[in-house]
Amino acid sequence: MLPYKRSQRVRDLLREEIADIVIHRLKDPRIGFITVTGVDVTDDIKIARVYVSILKDEERKTTLEILNSAKSFMRSELSKRLRMKFIPSIEFRLDTSIEYGNRIDKLLREIEEKANHDYSS
């Protein structure tokens, strides 16, 4: 038996295929630099939440709207590429983990600077 659940395998496969579709098949010039950072799939594989990181802050809203309007196109592309009985519905969400990590790094640097300043005084 395989060491992990089917939903995990589907999640990994969807991330690769959706990233490829966004890069090579979506022809909207308004789409900026996008990275598909992850996919969460429900255990019944009915819903796939696709997390994307968008480089420019000012393009985030527009890019998410474009991606959400292209959901049916992506599902049809996925049905051509994948041998699955049911293709999950897709929800695009902004991945904020990078921003969260940067905020934590900044706070840690501030703490270290304060500790160094207090130590040297």
N, C-alpha and C. Protein backbone atom coordinates (compact mmCIF):
# COMPACT_ATOMS: atom_id res chain seq x y z
N MET A 1 0.84 -1.18 0.00
CA MET A 1 0.00 0.00 0.00
C MET A 1 0.88 1.25 0.00
N LEU A 2 0.39 2.30 -0.62
CA LEU A 2 1.16 3.53 -0.69
C LEU A 2 1.24 4.20 0.68
N PRO A 3 2.35 4.89 0.96
CA PRO A 3 2.57 5.42 2.30
C PRO A 3 1.73 6.65 2.66
N TYR A 4 1.00 7.22 1.72
CA TYR A 4 0.19 8.38 2.07
C TYR A 4 -1.14 8.36 1.33
N LYS A 5 -2.06 9.19 1.80
CA LYS A 5 -3.43 9.17 1.31
C LYS A 5 -3.54 9.64 -0.14
N ARG A 6 -4.62 9.21 -0.76
CA ARG A 6 -4.88 9.59 -2.15
C ARG A 6 -5.01 11.09 -2.28
N SER A 7 -5.65 11.74 -1.31
CA SER A 7 -5.83 13.19 -1.39
C SER A 7 -4.49 13.92 -1.42
N GLN A 8 -3.48 13.37 -0.75
CA GLN A 8 -2.15 13.97 -0.80
C GLN A 8 -1.52 13.83 -2.18
N ARG A 9 -1.69 12.66 -2.79
CA ARG A 9 -1.15 12.47 -4.14
C ARG A 9 -1.86 13.38 -5.13
N VAL A 10 -3.17 13.50 -4.99
CA VAL A 10 -3.94 14.37 -5.88
C VAL A 10 -3.52 15.82 -5.69
N ARG A 11 -3.31 16.21 -4.44
CA ARG A 11 -2.88 17.58 -4.13
C ARG A 11 -1.57 17.91 -4.84
N ASP A 12 -0.59 17.03 -4.77
CA ASP A 12 0.70 17.27 -5.42
C ASP A 12 0.56 17.34 -6.93
N LEU A 13 -0.24 16.44 -7.48
CA LEU A 13 -0.45 16.43 -8.92
C LEU A 13 -1.18 17.69 -9.39
N LEU A 14 -2.19 18.11 -8.65
CA LEU A 14 -2.93 19.32 -9.01
C LEU A 14 -2.03 20.55 -8.98
N ARG A 15 -1.17 20.64 -7.97
CA ARG A 15 -0.27 21.80 -7.88
C ARG A 15 0.61 21.90 -9.12
N GLU A 16 1.17 20.79 -9.55
CA GLU A 16 2.03 20.79 -10.74
C GLU A 16 1.24 21.16 -11.99
N GLU A 17 0.08 20.54 -12.16
CA GLU A 17 -0.69 20.76 -13.39
C GLU A 17 -1.28 22.17 -13.44
N ILE A 18 -1.78 22.67 -12.32
CA ILE A 18 -2.36 24.03 -12.32
C ILE A 18 -1.26 25.05 -12.57
N ALA A 19 -0.10 24.86 -11.99
CA ALA A 19 1.02 25.78 -12.24
C ALA A 19 1.37 25.78 -13.73
N ASP A 20 1.40 24.61 -14.34
CA ASP A 20 1.70 24.53 -15.77
C ASP A 20 0.62 25.22 -16.62
N ILE A 21 -0.63 25.03 -16.25
CA ILE A 21 -1.72 25.67 -16.99
C ILE A 21 -1.63 27.19 -16.87
N VAL A 22 -1.37 27.69 -15.67
CA VAL A 22 -1.28 29.14 -15.47
C VAL A 22 -0.12 29.71 -16.28
N ILE A 23 0.99 29.01 -16.29
CA ILE A 23 2.18 29.53 -16.99
C ILE A 23 2.02 29.45 -18.51
N HIS A 24 1.53 28.31 -19.00
CA HIS A 24 1.57 28.07 -20.45
C HIS A 24 0.24 28.24 -21.18
N ARG A 25 -0.88 28.15 -20.51
CA ARG A 25 -2.16 28.15 -21.21
C ARG A 25 -2.99 29.42 -21.01
N LEU A 26 -2.84 30.08 -19.87
CA LEU A 26 -3.59 31.32 -19.65
C LEU A 26 -2.89 32.44 -20.43
N LYS A 27 -3.62 33.08 -21.28
CA LYS A 27 -3.02 34.07 -22.17
C LYS A 27 -3.40 35.50 -21.82
N ASP A 28 -3.82 35.75 -20.59
CA ASP A 28 -4.22 37.09 -20.18
C ASP A 28 -2.98 37.92 -19.87
N PRO A 29 -2.78 39.04 -20.57
CA PRO A 29 -1.58 39.85 -20.34
C PRO A 29 -1.58 40.58 -18.99
N ARG A 30 -2.72 40.65 -18.33
CA ARG A 30 -2.79 41.34 -17.04
C ARG A 30 -2.21 40.49 -15.91
N ILE A 31 -2.00 39.21 -16.16
CA ILE A 31 -1.46 38.34 -15.13
C ILE A 31 0.03 38.60 -14.99
N GLY A 32 0.43 38.91 -13.78
CA GLY A 32 1.83 39.16 -13.49
C GLY A 32 2.55 37.88 -13.14
N PHE A 33 3.58 38.02 -12.32
CA PHE A 33 4.37 36.88 -11.89
C PHE A 33 3.64 36.15 -10.78
N ILE A 34 3.25 34.90 -11.03
CA ILE A 34 2.48 34.10 -10.09
C ILE A 34 3.25 32.82 -9.77
N THR A 35 3.19 32.42 -8.51
CA THR A 35 3.72 31.13 -8.10
C THR A 35 2.62 30.36 -7.41
N VAL A 36 2.36 29.14 -7.85
CA VAL A 36 1.42 28.28 -7.16
C VAL A 36 2.20 27.64 -6.01
N THR A 37 1.89 28.07 -4.80
CA THR A 37 2.67 27.63 -3.65
C THR A 37 2.14 26.36 -3.01
N GLY A 38 0.87 26.07 -3.21
CA GLY A 38 0.34 24.86 -2.61
C GLY A 38 -1.11 24.63 -2.97
N VAL A 39 -1.58 23.43 -2.71
CA VAL A 39 -2.97 23.07 -2.94
C VAL A 39 -3.43 22.24 -1.75
N ASP A 40 -4.58 22.61 -1.21
CA ASP A 40 -5.23 21.80 -0.18
C ASP A 40 -6.44 21.15 -0.82
N VAL A 41 -6.58 19.85 -0.62
CA VAL A 41 -7.69 19.10 -1.17
C VAL A 41 -8.47 18.47 -0.02
N THR A 42 -9.79 18.57 -0.09
CA THR A 42 -10.60 17.91 0.92
C THR A 42 -10.42 16.40 0.79
N ASP A 43 -10.70 15.67 1.86
CA ASP A 43 -10.51 14.21 1.85
C ASP A 43 -11.36 13.52 0.79
N ASP A 44 -12.53 14.10 0.48
CA ASP A 44 -13.37 13.50 -0.56
C ASP A 44 -13.01 13.99 -1.96
N ILE A 45 -11.99 14.83 -2.07
CA ILE A 45 -11.46 15.35 -3.33
C ILE A 45 -12.53 16.07 -4.15
N LYS A 46 -13.39 16.79 -3.47
CA LYS A 46 -14.42 17.59 -4.15
C LYS A 46 -13.99 19.04 -4.34
N ILE A 47 -13.15 19.54 -3.43
CA ILE A 47 -12.73 20.94 -3.47
C ILE A 47 -11.21 21.00 -3.37
N ALA A 48 -10.62 21.83 -4.23
CA ALA A 48 -9.18 22.08 -4.19
C ALA A 48 -8.97 23.57 -3.98
N ARG A 49 -8.32 23.91 -2.88
CA ARG A 49 -7.98 25.31 -2.61
C ARG A 49 -6.54 25.52 -3.07
N VAL A 50 -6.39 26.38 -4.07
CA VAL A 50 -5.09 26.62 -4.67
C VAL A 50 -4.53 27.92 -4.11
N TYR A 51 -3.37 27.85 -3.48
CA TYR A 51 -2.73 29.02 -2.90
C TYR A 51 -1.68 29.56 -3.87
N VAL A 52 -1.79 30.86 -4.14
CA VAL A 52 -0.87 31.50 -5.08
C VAL A 52 -0.18 32.67 -4.39
N SER A 53 1.04 32.89 -4.80
CA SER A 53 1.81 34.04 -4.36
C SER A 53 1.97 34.95 -5.57
N ILE A 54 1.61 36.21 -5.40
CA ILE A 54 1.66 37.18 -6.50
C ILE A 54 2.70 38.23 -6.13
N LEU A 55 3.63 38.46 -7.04
CA LEU A 55 4.80 39.28 -6.74
C LEU A 55 4.44 40.72 -6.37
N LYS A 56 3.65 41.40 -7.19
CA LYS A 56 3.36 42.81 -6.97
C LYS A 56 2.05 42.97 -6.19
N ASP A 57 2.12 43.77 -5.13
CA ASP A 57 0.94 44.00 -4.29
C ASP A 57 -0.23 44.59 -5.06
N GLU A 58 0.05 45.51 -5.97
CA GLU A 58 -1.02 46.19 -6.70
C GLU A 58 -1.72 45.29 -7.73
N GLU A 59 -1.11 44.16 -8.08
CA GLU A 59 -1.70 43.24 -9.06
C GLU A 59 -2.49 42.10 -8.40
N ARG A 60 -2.47 42.02 -7.09
CA ARG A 60 -3.05 40.86 -6.41
C ARG A 60 -4.55 40.72 -6.66
N LYS A 61 -5.30 41.79 -6.47
CA LYS A 61 -6.75 41.70 -6.61
C LYS A 61 -7.14 41.33 -8.04
N THR A 62 -6.55 42.00 -9.01
CA THR A 62 -6.86 41.74 -10.42
C THR A 62 -6.48 40.32 -10.81
N THR A 63 -5.32 39.89 -10.38
CA THR A 63 -4.85 38.55 -10.73
C THR A 63 -5.75 37.47 -10.13
N LEU A 64 -6.15 37.65 -8.87
CA LEU A 64 -7.07 36.68 -8.26
C LEU A 64 -8.41 36.64 -8.99
N GLU A 65 -8.90 37.80 -9.42
CA GLU A 65 -10.15 37.85 -10.18
C GLU A 65 -10.01 37.10 -11.51
N ILE A 66 -8.89 37.29 -12.19
CA ILE A 66 -8.65 36.60 -13.46
C ILE A 66 -8.58 35.09 -13.24
N LEU A 67 -7.85 34.67 -12.23
CA LEU A 67 -7.73 33.25 -11.95
C LEU A 67 -9.08 32.64 -11.60
N ASN A 68 -9.85 33.33 -10.78
CA ASN A 68 -11.17 32.80 -10.41
C ASN A 68 -12.13 32.77 -11.59
N SER A 69 -11.99 33.70 -12.52
CA SER A 69 -12.85 33.67 -13.71
C SER A 69 -12.43 32.57 -14.69
N ALA A 70 -11.20 32.08 -14.56
CA ALA A 70 -10.70 31.03 -15.46
C ALA A 70 -10.83 29.64 -14.84
N LYS A 71 -11.57 29.50 -13.74
CA LYS A 71 -11.68 28.21 -13.06
C LYS A 71 -12.27 27.12 -13.96
N SER A 72 -13.30 27.45 -14.71
CA SER A 72 -13.93 26.42 -15.56
C SER A 72 -12.97 25.98 -16.67
N PHE A 73 -12.21 26.92 -17.23
CA PHE A 73 -11.20 26.58 -18.23
C PHE A 73 -10.16 25.64 -17.64
N MET A 74 -9.71 25.94 -16.43
CA MET A 74 -8.69 25.11 -15.79
C MET A 74 -9.22 23.72 -15.48
N ARG A 75 -10.46 23.63 -15.05
CA ARG A 75 -11.05 22.31 -14.78
C ARG A 75 -11.13 21.49 -16.05
N SER A 76 -11.49 22.13 -17.16
CA SER A 76 -11.55 21.38 -18.42
C SER A 76 -10.16 20.95 -18.86
N GLU A 77 -9.16 21.79 -18.65
CA GLU A 77 -7.77 21.42 -18.96
C GLU A 77 -7.31 20.26 -18.08
N LEU A 78 -7.66 20.33 -16.80
CA LEU A 78 -7.29 19.25 -15.89
C LEU A 78 -7.96 17.94 -16.28
N SER A 79 -9.20 18.02 -16.73
CA SER A 79 -9.89 16.78 -17.13
C SER A 79 -9.23 16.14 -18.34
N LYS A 80 -8.60 16.93 -19.20
CA LYS A 80 -7.88 16.39 -20.35
C LYS A 80 -6.54 15.77 -19.93
N ARG A 81 -5.93 16.32 -18.89
CA ARG A 81 -4.60 15.89 -18.48
C ARG A 81 -4.60 14.75 -17.47
N LEU A 82 -5.61 14.71 -16.61
CA LEU A 82 -5.61 13.77 -15.51
C LEU A 82 -6.62 12.65 -15.75
N ARG A 83 -6.28 11.47 -15.31
CA ARG A 83 -7.18 10.34 -15.42
C ARG A 83 -7.90 10.17 -14.09
N MET A 84 -8.85 11.05 -13.87
CA MET A 84 -9.63 11.03 -12.65
C MET A 84 -11.11 11.03 -13.02
N LYS A 85 -11.87 10.34 -12.21
CA LYS A 85 -13.31 10.27 -12.44
C LYS A 85 -13.96 11.63 -12.20
N PHE A 86 -13.49 12.32 -11.17
CA PHE A 86 -14.06 13.61 -10.80
C PHE A 86 -12.94 14.62 -10.62
N ILE A 87 -13.04 15.76 -11.29
CA ILE A 87 -12.08 16.84 -11.13
C ILE A 87 -12.65 17.79 -10.07
N PRO A 88 -11.88 18.10 -9.03
CA PRO A 88 -12.42 18.95 -7.96
C PRO A 88 -12.68 20.38 -8.41
N SER A 89 -13.62 21.02 -7.74
CA SER A 89 -13.82 22.45 -8.00
C SER A 89 -12.62 23.19 -7.42
N ILE A 90 -12.29 24.31 -8.04
CA ILE A 90 -11.07 25.03 -7.70
C ILE A 90 -11.42 26.37 -7.06
N GLU A 91 -10.72 26.67 -5.98
CA GLU A 91 -10.82 27.97 -5.32
C GLU A 91 -9.41 28.55 -5.23
N PHE A 92 -9.22 29.76 -5.73
CA PHE A 92 -7.91 30.41 -5.64
C PHE A 92 -7.87 31.31 -4.42
N ARG A 93 -6.78 31.20 -3.68
CA ARG A 93 -6.59 32.02 -2.49
C ARG A 93 -5.17 32.56 -2.48
N LEU A 94 -5.04 33.73 -1.89
CA LEU A 94 -3.73 34.36 -1.78
C LEU A 94 -2.94 33.71 -0.65
N ASP A 95 -1.72 33.32 -0.94
CA ASP A 95 -0.85 32.71 0.07
C ASP A 95 -0.13 33.83 0.81
N THR A 96 -0.40 33.94 2.09
CA THR A 96 0.21 35.00 2.89
C THR A 96 1.36 34.47 3.75
N SER A 97 1.75 33.23 3.56
CA SER A 97 2.80 32.66 4.41
C SER A 97 4.15 33.34 4.21
N ILE A 98 4.43 33.82 3.00
CA ILE A 98 5.71 34.50 2.75
C ILE A 98 5.75 35.81 3.51
N GLU A 99 4.63 36.56 3.45
CA GLU A 99 4.56 37.82 4.19
C GLU A 99 4.66 37.57 5.69
N TYR A 100 4.01 36.53 6.16
CA TYR A 100 4.05 36.18 7.57
C TYR A 100 5.47 35.83 8.00
N GLY A 101 6.17 35.08 7.18
CA GLY A 101 7.57 34.73 7.46
C GLY A 101 8.47 35.96 7.49
N ASN A 102 8.25 36.88 6.55
CA ASN A 102 9.03 38.11 6.52
C ASN A 102 8.79 38.95 7.77
N ARG A 103 7.53 38.98 8.22
CA ARG A 103 7.19 39.73 9.43
C ARG A 103 7.89 39.13 10.65
N ILE A 104 7.90 37.82 10.74
CA ILE A 104 8.57 37.15 11.85
C ILE A 104 10.07 37.42 11.81
N ASP A 105 10.67 37.35 10.61
CA ASP A 105 12.11 37.66 10.48
C ASP A 105 12.41 39.08 10.96
N LYS A 106 11.56 40.02 10.56
CA LYS A 106 11.75 41.42 10.95
C LYS A 106 11.68 41.56 12.47
N LEU A 107 10.69 40.92 13.08
CA LEU A 107 10.55 41.00 14.54
C LEU A 107 11.75 40.37 15.25
N LEU A 108 12.22 39.25 14.74
CA LEU A 108 13.39 38.60 15.35
C LEU A 108 14.64 39.47 15.23
N ARG A 109 14.80 40.12 14.07
CA ARG A 109 15.95 41.02 13.90
C ARG A 109 15.87 42.19 14.87
N GLU A 110 14.65 42.75 15.06
CA GLU A 110 14.48 43.86 16.00
C GLU A 110 14.82 43.43 17.42
N ILE A 111 14.38 42.22 17.81
CA ILE A 111 14.69 41.71 19.14
C ILE A 111 16.19 41.53 19.31
N GLU A 112 16.84 40.99 18.29
CA GLU A 112 18.29 40.77 18.35
C GLU A 112 19.03 42.10 18.45
N GLU A 113 18.59 43.10 17.66
CA GLU A 113 19.24 44.41 17.72
C GLU A 113 19.07 45.04 19.09
N LYS A 114 17.88 44.91 19.65
CA LYS A 114 17.62 45.48 20.97
C LYS A 114 18.47 44.76 22.02
N ALA A 115 18.58 43.44 21.92
CA ALA A 115 19.38 42.67 22.87
C ALA A 115 20.85 43.07 22.74
N ASN A 116 21.34 43.23 21.53
CA ASN A 116 22.73 43.63 21.32
C ASN A 116 22.97 45.04 21.85
N HIS A 117 21.99 45.92 21.63
CA HIS A 117 22.12 47.31 22.11
C HIS A 117 22.12 47.35 23.63
N ASP A 118 21.23 46.58 24.27
CA ASP A 118 21.16 46.53 25.73
C ASP A 118 22.43 45.89 26.31
N TYR A 119 22.94 44.89 25.65
CA TYR A 119 24.13 44.19 26.12
C TYR A 119 25.36 45.08 26.06
N SER A 120 25.45 45.91 24.99
CA SER A 120 26.63 46.76 24.82
C SER A 120 26.56 48.00 25.70
N SER A 121 25.38 48.34 26.22
CA SER A 121 25.25 49.55 27.04
C SER A 121 25.74 49.39 28.45
